[in-house]
Amino acid sequence: MLSTIEEVRRAALELPTAERASLAEELIGSLDSGWTEENDRWWATEAARRLEEIQAGKAQAIPAEEVFSDAWRRTENGSK
């Protein structure tokens, strides 16, 4: 099986950029096949709860730029 995965990987990496992007999008989309309307409702409820906490001063928002910067730093350093 490993040789098949390696063959697919090599072939995919030889594709033009647009085709690689399309393939990546399709593969990632296949991972989310279990997503349901119940998930959407849960996340909508969670988002509303978090917004209420921020508006009430119980929680503080962190700018996305800071979150992503921290995530990249942790990834590059291999730390959790």
PDB file of N, CA and C in Angstrom:
ATOM      1  N   MET A   1       0.828  -1.203   0.000  1.00  0.00           N
ATOM      2  CA  MET A   1       0.000   0.000   0.000  1.00  0.00           C
ATOM      3  C   MET A   1       0.865   1.256   0.000  1.00  0.00           C
ATOM      4  N   LEU A   2       1.966   1.236   0.744  1.00  0.00           N
ATOM      5  CA  LEU A   2       2.826   2.408   0.827  1.00  0.00           C
ATOM      6  C   LEU A   2       3.327   2.827  -0.548  1.00  0.00           C
ATOM      7  N   SER A   3       3.706   1.849  -1.374  1.00  0.00           N
ATOM      8  CA  SER A   3       4.196   2.218  -2.708  1.00  0.00           C
ATOM      9  C   SER A   3       3.094   2.886  -3.510  1.00  0.00           C
ATOM     10  N   THR A   4       1.854   2.456  -3.331  1.00  0.00           N
ATOM     11  CA  THR A   4       0.735   3.076  -4.042  1.00  0.00           C
ATOM     12  C   THR A   4       0.556   4.519  -3.578  1.00  0.00           C
ATOM     13  N   ILE A   5       0.637   4.743  -2.285  1.00  0.00           N
ATOM     14  CA  ILE A   5       0.508   6.098  -1.758  1.00  0.00           C
ATOM     15  C   ILE A   5       1.636   6.971  -2.291  1.00  0.00           C
ATOM     16  N   GLU A   6       2.835   6.448  -2.285  1.00  0.00           N
ATOM     17  CA  GLU A   6       3.976   7.209  -2.797  1.00  0.00           C
ATOM     18  C   GLU A   6       3.814   7.503  -4.284  1.00  0.00           C
ATOM     19  N   GLU A   7       3.312   6.533  -5.038  1.00  0.00           N
ATOM     20  CA  GLU A   7       3.085   6.746  -6.479  1.00  0.00           C
ATOM     21  C   GLU A   7       2.052   7.838  -6.707  1.00  0.00           C
ATOM     22  N   VAL A   8       0.966   7.800  -5.939  1.00  0.00           N
ATOM     23  CA  VAL A   8      -0.087   8.811  -6.069  1.00  0.00           C
ATOM     24  C   VAL A   8       0.474  10.179  -5.689  1.00  0.00           C
ATOM     25  N   ARG A   9       1.239  10.239  -4.605  1.00  0.00           N
ATOM     26  CA  ARG A   9       1.831  11.498  -4.157  1.00  0.00           C
ATOM     27  C   ARG A   9       2.738  12.082  -5.241  1.00  0.00           C
ATOM     28  N   ARG A  10       3.613  11.254  -5.789  1.00  0.00           N
ATOM     29  CA  ARG A  10       4.529  11.741  -6.833  1.00  0.00           C
ATOM     30  C   ARG A  10       3.758  12.239  -8.060  1.00  0.00           C
ATOM     31  N   ALA A  11       2.752  11.466  -8.461  1.00  0.00           N
ATOM     32  CA  ALA A  11       1.962  11.859  -9.636  1.00  0.00           C
ATOM     33  C   ALA A  11       1.222  13.166  -9.357  1.00  0.00           C
ATOM     34  N   ALA A  12       0.665  13.301  -8.168  1.00  0.00           N
ATOM     35  CA  ALA A  12      -0.078  14.516  -7.821  1.00  0.00           C
ATOM     36  C   ALA A  12       0.842  15.726  -7.824  1.00  0.00           C
ATOM     37  N   LEU A  13       2.039  15.571  -7.306  1.00  0.00           N
ATOM     38  CA  LEU A  13       2.977  16.694  -7.243  1.00  0.00           C
ATOM     39  C   LEU A  13       3.470  17.121  -8.620  1.00  0.00           C
ATOM     40  N   GLU A  14       3.305  16.281  -9.609  1.00  0.00           N
ATOM     41  CA  GLU A  14       3.702  16.642 -10.973  1.00  0.00           C
ATOM     42  C   GLU A  14       2.604  17.398 -11.712  1.00  0.00           C
ATOM     43  N   LEU A  15       1.409  17.454 -11.156  1.00  0.00           N
ATOM     44  CA  LEU A  15       0.297  18.159 -11.787  1.00  0.00           C
ATOM     45  C   LEU A  15       0.549  19.664 -11.775  1.00  0.00           C
ATOM     46  N   PRO A  16      -0.045  20.381 -12.733  1.00  0.00           N
ATOM     47  CA  PRO A  16       0.027  21.843 -12.707  1.00  0.00           C
ATOM     48  C   PRO A  16      -0.633  22.378 -11.427  1.00  0.00           C
ATOM     49  N   THR A  17      -0.257  23.543 -11.015  1.00  0.00           N
ATOM     50  CA  THR A  17      -0.721  24.131  -9.755  1.00  0.00           C
ATOM     51  C   THR A  17      -2.237  24.119  -9.616  1.00  0.00           C
ATOM     52  N   ALA A  18      -2.951  24.556 -10.634  1.00  0.00           N
ATOM     53  CA  ALA A  18      -4.419  24.626 -10.545  1.00  0.00           C
ATOM     54  C   ALA A  18      -5.023  23.241 -10.338  1.00  0.00           C
ATOM     55  N   GLU A  19      -4.471  22.232 -11.006  1.00  0.00           N
ATOM     56  CA  GLU A  19      -4.992  20.877 -10.849  1.00  0.00           C
ATOM     57  C   GLU A  19      -4.659  20.315  -9.468  1.00  0.00           C
ATOM     58  N   ARG A  20      -3.482  20.636  -8.952  1.00  0.00           N
ATOM     59  CA  ARG A  20      -3.131  20.201  -7.587  1.00  0.00           C
ATOM     60  C   ARG A  20      -4.072  20.833  -6.578  1.00  0.00           C
ATOM     61  N   ALA A  21      -4.360  22.119  -6.766  1.00  0.00           N
ATOM     62  CA  ALA A  21      -5.269  22.814  -5.843  1.00  0.00           C
ATOM     63  C   ALA A  21      -6.656  22.194  -5.883  1.00  0.00           C
ATOM     64  N   SER A  22      -7.138  21.884  -7.078  1.00  0.00           N
ATOM     65  CA  SER A  22      -8.452  21.271  -7.219  1.00  0.00           C
ATOM     66  C   SER A  22      -8.489  19.901  -6.554  1.00  0.00           C
ATOM     67  N   LEU A  23      -7.443  19.121  -6.754  1.00  0.00           N
ATOM     68  CA  LEU A  23      -7.354  17.799  -6.132  1.00  0.00           C
ATOM     69  C   LEU A  23      -7.309  17.922  -4.613  1.00  0.00           C
ATOM     70  N   ALA A  24      -6.513  18.854  -4.110  1.00  0.00           N
ATOM     71  CA  ALA A  24      -6.407  19.055  -2.662  1.00  0.00           C
ATOM     72  C   ALA A  24      -7.759  19.435  -2.077  1.00  0.00           C
ATOM     73  N   GLU A  25      -8.465  20.322  -2.759  1.00  0.00           N
ATOM     74  CA  GLU A  25      -9.783  20.741  -2.281  1.00  0.00           C
ATOM     75  C   GLU A  25     -10.743  19.554  -2.224  1.00  0.00           C
ATOM     76  N   GLU A  26     -10.702  18.722  -3.245  1.00  0.00           N
ATOM     77  CA  GLU A  26     -11.588  17.563  -3.279  1.00  0.00           C
ATOM     78  C   GLU A  26     -11.231  16.563  -2.172  1.00  0.00           C
ATOM     79  N   LEU A  27      -9.942  16.333  -1.969  1.00  0.00           N
ATOM     80  CA  LEU A  27      -9.516  15.402  -0.920  1.00  0.00           C
ATOM     81  C   LEU A  27      -9.907  15.913   0.465  1.00  0.00           C
ATOM     82  N   ILE A  28      -9.681  17.190   0.708  1.00  0.00           N
ATOM     83  CA  ILE A  28     -10.041  17.762   2.002  1.00  0.00           C
ATOM     84  C   ILE A  28     -11.554  17.710   2.194  1.00  0.00           C
ATOM     85  N   GLY A  29     -12.291  18.013   1.146  1.00  0.00           N
ATOM     86  CA  GLY A  29     -13.753  17.939   1.216  1.00  0.00           C
ATOM     87  C   GLY A  29     -14.244  16.545   1.548  1.00  0.00           C
ATOM     88  N   SER A  30     -13.516  15.540   1.093  1.00  0.00           N
ATOM     89  CA  SER A  30     -13.940  14.166   1.378  1.00  0.00           C
ATOM     90  C   SER A  30     -13.793  13.826   2.856  1.00  0.00           C
ATOM     91  N   LEU A  31     -12.960  14.552   3.566  1.00  0.00           N
ATOM     92  CA  LEU A  31     -12.782  14.310   4.995  1.00  0.00           C
ATOM     93  C   LEU A  31     -13.963  14.834   5.794  1.00  0.00           C
ATOM     94  N   ASP A  32     -14.686  15.803   5.250  1.00  0.00           N
ATOM     95  CA  ASP A  32     -15.805  16.427   5.938  1.00  0.00           C
ATOM     96  C   ASP A  32     -17.144  15.798   5.572  1.00  0.00           C
ATOM     97  N   SER A  33     -17.118  14.603   5.010  1.00  0.00           N
ATOM     98  CA  SER A  33     -18.358  14.005   4.520  1.00  0.00           C
ATOM     99  C   SER A  33     -19.361  13.705   5.619  1.00  0.00           C
ATOM    100  N   GLY A  34     -18.929  13.683   6.876  1.00  0.00           N
ATOM    101  CA  GLY A  34     -19.840  13.400   7.969  1.00  0.00           C
ATOM    102  C   GLY A  34     -20.491  14.641   8.545  1.00  0.00           C
ATOM    103  N   TRP A  35     -20.274  15.791   7.934  1.00  0.00           N
ATOM    104  CA  TRP A  35     -20.832  17.045   8.442  1.00  0.00           C
ATOM    105  C   TRP A  35     -22.339  17.057   8.252  1.00  0.00           C
ATOM    106  N   THR A  36     -23.055  17.479   9.274  1.00  0.00           N
ATOM    107  CA  THR A  36     -24.519  17.466   9.211  1.00  0.00           C
ATOM    108  C   THR A  36     -25.087  18.832   9.572  1.00  0.00           C
ATOM    109  N   GLU A  37     -26.374  18.968   9.380  1.00  0.00           N
ATOM    110  CA  GLU A  37     -27.054  20.195   9.792  1.00  0.00           C
ATOM    111  C   GLU A  37     -26.977  20.360  11.307  1.00  0.00           C
ATOM    112  N   GLU A  38     -26.930  19.251  12.022  1.00  0.00           N
ATOM    113  CA  GLU A  38     -26.799  19.315  13.476  1.00  0.00           C
ATOM    114  C   GLU A  38     -25.471  19.980  13.855  1.00  0.00           C
ATOM    115  N   ASN A  39     -24.401  19.674  13.099  1.00  0.00           N
ATOM    116  CA  ASN A  39     -23.116  20.335  13.338  1.00  0.00           C
ATOM    117  C   ASN A  39     -23.243  21.835  13.119  1.00  0.00           C
ATOM    118  N   ASP A  40     -23.928  22.223  12.060  1.00  0.00           N
ATOM    119  CA  ASP A  40     -24.122  23.651  11.771  1.00  0.00           C
ATOM    120  C   ASP A  40     -24.868  24.341  12.909  1.00  0.00           C
ATOM    121  N   ARG A  41     -25.920  23.690  13.407  1.00  0.00           N
ATOM    122  CA  ARG A  41     -26.702  24.270  14.509  1.00  0.00           C
ATOM    123  C   ARG A  41     -25.845  24.382  15.764  1.00  0.00           C
ATOM    124  N   TRP A  42     -25.050  23.350  16.060  1.00  0.00           N
ATOM    125  CA  TRP A  42     -24.208  23.376  17.249  1.00  0.00           C
ATOM    126  C   TRP A  42     -23.217  24.534  17.158  1.00  0.00           C
ATOM    127  N   TRP A  43     -22.543  24.678  15.990  1.00  0.00           N
ATOM    128  CA  TRP A  43     -21.564  25.758  15.850  1.00  0.00           C
ATOM    129  C   TRP A  43     -22.217  27.130  15.902  1.00  0.00           C
ATOM    130  N   ALA A  44     -23.423  27.257  15.356  1.00  0.00           N
ATOM    131  CA  ALA A  44     -24.126  28.543  15.424  1.00  0.00           C
ATOM    132  C   ALA A  44     -24.443  28.888  16.876  1.00  0.00           C
ATOM    133  N   THR A  45     -24.882  27.895  17.646  1.00  0.00           N
ATOM    134  CA  THR A  45     -25.167  28.109  19.069  1.00  0.00           C
ATOM    135  C   THR A  45     -23.894  28.476  19.811  1.00  0.00           C
ATOM    136  N   GLU A  46     -22.801  27.765  19.525  1.00  0.00           N
ATOM    137  CA  GLU A  46     -21.520  28.032  20.178  1.00  0.00           C
ATOM    138  C   GLU A  46     -21.015  29.428  19.835  1.00  0.00           C
ATOM    139  N   ALA A  47     -21.135  29.833  18.580  1.00  0.00           N
ATOM    140  CA  ALA A  47     -20.695  31.171  18.177  1.00  0.00           C
ATOM    141  C   ALA A  47     -21.493  32.243  18.911  1.00  0.00           C
ATOM    142  N   ALA A  48     -22.803  32.034  19.025  1.00  0.00           N
ATOM    143  CA  ALA A  48     -23.647  33.003  19.737  1.00  0.00           C
ATOM    144  C   ALA A  48     -23.254  33.074  21.211  1.00  0.00           C
ATOM    145  N   ARG A  49     -22.969  31.915  21.820  1.00  0.00           N
ATOM    146  CA  ARG A  49     -22.561  31.885  23.224  1.00  0.00           C
ATOM    147  C   ARG A  49     -21.250  32.635  23.429  1.00  0.00           C
ATOM    148  N   ARG A  50     -20.304  32.409  22.531  1.00  0.00           N
ATOM    149  CA  ARG A  50     -19.009  33.076  22.646  1.00  0.00           C
ATOM    150  C   ARG A  50     -19.144  34.588  22.456  1.00  0.00           C
ATOM    151  N   LEU A  51     -19.989  35.002  21.515  1.00  0.00           N
ATOM    152  CA  LEU A  51     -20.214  36.427  21.301  1.00  0.00           C
ATOM    153  C   LEU A  51     -20.812  37.063  22.552  1.00  0.00           C
ATOM    154  N   GLU A  52     -21.765  36.390  23.169  1.00  0.00           N
ATOM    155  CA  GLU A  52     -22.370  36.910  24.404  1.00  0.00           C
ATOM    156  C   GLU A  52     -21.320  37.060  25.502  1.00  0.00           C
ATOM    157  N   GLU A  53     -20.410  36.092  25.616  1.00  0.00           N
ATOM    158  CA  GLU A  53     -19.350  36.178  26.631  1.00  0.00           C
ATOM    159  C   GLU A  53     -18.444  37.377  26.375  1.00  0.00           C
ATOM    160  N   ILE A  54     -18.124  37.612  25.129  1.00  0.00           N
ATOM    161  CA  ILE A  54     -17.270  38.757  24.784  1.00  0.00           C
ATOM    162  C   ILE A  54     -17.998  40.060  25.089  1.00  0.00           C
ATOM    163  N   GLN A  55     -19.257  40.148  24.680  1.00  0.00           N
ATOM    164  CA  GLN A  55     -20.031  41.364  24.912  1.00  0.00           C
ATOM    165  C   GLN A  55     -20.255  41.628  26.397  1.00  0.00           C
ATOM    166  N   ALA A  56     -20.314  40.566  27.193  1.00  0.00           N
ATOM    167  CA  ALA A  56     -20.523  40.716  28.637  1.00  0.00           C
ATOM    168  C   ALA A  56     -19.204  40.941  29.376  1.00  0.00           C
ATOM    169  N   GLY A  57     -18.102  40.898  28.652  1.00  0.00           N
ATOM    170  CA  GLY A  57     -16.798  41.106  29.281  1.00  0.00           C
ATOM    171  C   GLY A  57     -16.262  39.882  30.002  1.00  0.00           C
ATOM    172  N   LYS A  58     -16.880  38.720  29.794  1.00  0.00           N
ATOM    173  CA  LYS A  58     -16.427  37.479  30.433  1.00  0.00           C
ATOM    174  C   LYS A  58     -15.285  36.815  29.669  1.00  0.00           C
ATOM    175  N   ALA A  59     -15.125  37.205  28.429  1.00  0.00           N
ATOM    176  CA  ALA A  59     -14.057  36.638  27.589  1.00  0.00           C
ATOM    177  C   ALA A  59     -13.490  37.761  26.739  1.00  0.00           C
ATOM    178  N   GLN A  60     -12.286  37.540  26.269  1.00  0.00           N
ATOM    179  CA  GLN A  60     -11.632  38.558  25.444  1.00  0.00           C
ATOM    180  C   GLN A  60     -11.287  37.943  24.088  1.00  0.00           C
ATOM    181  N   ALA A  61     -11.597  38.666  23.030  1.00  0.00           N
ATOM    182  CA  ALA A  61     -11.273  38.195  21.685  1.00  0.00           C
ATOM    183  C   ALA A  61      -9.775  38.348  21.428  1.00  0.00           C
ATOM    184  N   ILE A  62      -9.244  37.432  20.659  1.00  0.00           N
ATOM    185  CA  ILE A  62      -7.840  37.496  20.256  1.00  0.00           C
ATOM    186  C   ILE A  62      -7.833  37.702  18.746  1.00  0.00           C
ATOM    187  N   PRO A  63      -7.113  38.722  18.266  1.00  0.00           N
ATOM    188  CA  PRO A  63      -7.071  38.964  16.817  1.00  0.00           C
ATOM    189  C   PRO A  63      -6.576  37.733  16.058  1.00  0.00           C
ATOM    190  N   ALA A  64      -7.203  37.443  14.928  1.00  0.00           N
ATOM    191  CA  ALA A  64      -6.838  36.276  14.134  1.00  0.00           C
ATOM    192  C   ALA A  64      -5.360  36.287  13.770  1.00  0.00           C
ATOM    193  N   GLU A  65      -4.829  37.453  13.455  1.00  0.00           N
ATOM    194  CA  GLU A  65      -3.413  37.554  13.093  1.00  0.00           C
ATOM    195  C   GLU A  65      -2.533  37.004  14.214  1.00  0.00           C
ATOM    196  N   GLU A  66      -2.886  37.319  15.454  1.00  0.00           N
ATOM    197  CA  GLU A  66      -2.118  36.836  16.603  1.00  0.00           C
ATOM    198  C   GLU A  66      -2.265  35.320  16.770  1.00  0.00           C
ATOM    199  N   VAL A  67      -3.473  34.819  16.584  1.00  0.00           N
ATOM    200  CA  VAL A  67      -3.731  33.383  16.706  1.00  0.00           C
ATOM    201  C   VAL A  67      -2.931  32.615  15.662  1.00  0.00           C
ATOM    202  N   PHE A  68      -2.993  33.070  14.395  1.00  0.00           N
ATOM    203  CA  PHE A  68      -2.285  32.370  13.328  1.00  0.00           C
ATOM    204  C   PHE A  68      -0.775  32.458  13.507  1.00  0.00           C
ATOM    205  N   SER A  69      -0.295  33.609  13.947  1.00  0.00           N
ATOM    206  CA  SER A  69       1.135  33.777  14.183  1.00  0.00           C
ATOM    207  C   SER A  69       1.613  32.802  15.252  1.00  0.00           C
ATOM    208  N   ASP A  70       0.845  32.694  16.317  1.00  0.00           N
ATOM    209  CA  ASP A  70       1.190  31.777  17.399  1.00  0.00           C
ATOM    210  C   ASP A  70       1.152  30.333  16.907  1.00  0.00           C
ATOM    211  N   ALA A  71       0.142  29.990  16.109  1.00  0.00           N
ATOM    212  CA  ALA A  71       0.036  28.626  15.589  1.00  0.00           C
ATOM    213  C   ALA A  71       1.227  28.288  14.701  1.00  0.00           C
ATOM    214  N   TRP A  72       1.621  29.210  13.821  1.00  0.00           N
ATOM    215  CA  TRP A  72       2.775  28.969  12.952  1.00  0.00           C
ATOM    216  C   TRP A  72       4.047  28.817  13.771  1.00  0.00           C
ATOM    217  N   ARG A  73       4.194  29.655  14.780  1.00  0.00           N
ATOM    218  CA  ARG A  73       5.384  29.577  15.631  1.00  0.00           C
ATOM    219  C   ARG A  73       5.454  28.219  16.323  1.00  0.00           C
ATOM    220  N   ARG A  74       4.337  27.772  16.855  1.00  0.00           N
ATOM    221  CA  ARG A  74       4.311  26.483  17.536  1.00  0.00           C
ATOM    222  C   ARG A  74       4.580  25.337  16.560  1.00  0.00           C
ATOM    223  N   THR A  75       4.045  25.431  15.353  1.00  0.00           N
ATOM    224  CA  THR A  75       4.257  24.393  14.354  1.00  0.00           C
ATOM    225  C   THR A  75       5.720  24.324  13.952  1.00  0.00           C
ATOM    226  N   GLU A  76       6.324  25.474  13.714  1.00  0.00           N
ATOM    227  CA  GLU A  76       7.733  25.519  13.294  1.00  0.00           C
ATOM    228  C   GLU A  76       8.649  25.006  14.391  1.00  0.00           C
ATOM    229  N   ASN A  77       8.299  25.243  15.640  1.00  0.00           N
ATOM    230  CA  ASN A  77       9.139  24.806  16.764  1.00  0.00           C
ATOM    231  C   ASN A  77       8.818  23.388  17.198  1.00  0.00           C
ATOM    232  N   GLY A  78       7.747  22.822  16.644  1.00  0.00           N
ATOM    233  CA  GLY A  78       7.362  21.475  17.011  1.00  0.00           C
ATOM    234  C   GLY A  78       6.794  21.353  18.418  1.00  0.00           C
ATOM    235  N   SER A  79       6.366  22.472  18.989  1.00  0.00           N
ATOM    236  CA  SER A  79       5.807  22.432  20.350  1.00  0.00           C
ATOM    237  C   SER A  79       4.296  22.446  20.295  1.00  0.00           C
ATOM    238  N   LYS A  80       3.715  22.134  21.422  1.00  0.00           N
ATOM    239  CA  LYS A  80       2.243  22.111  21.505  1.00  0.00           C
ATOM    240  C   LYS A  80       1.732  23.292  22.254  1.00  0.00           C
TER     241      LYS A  80
END
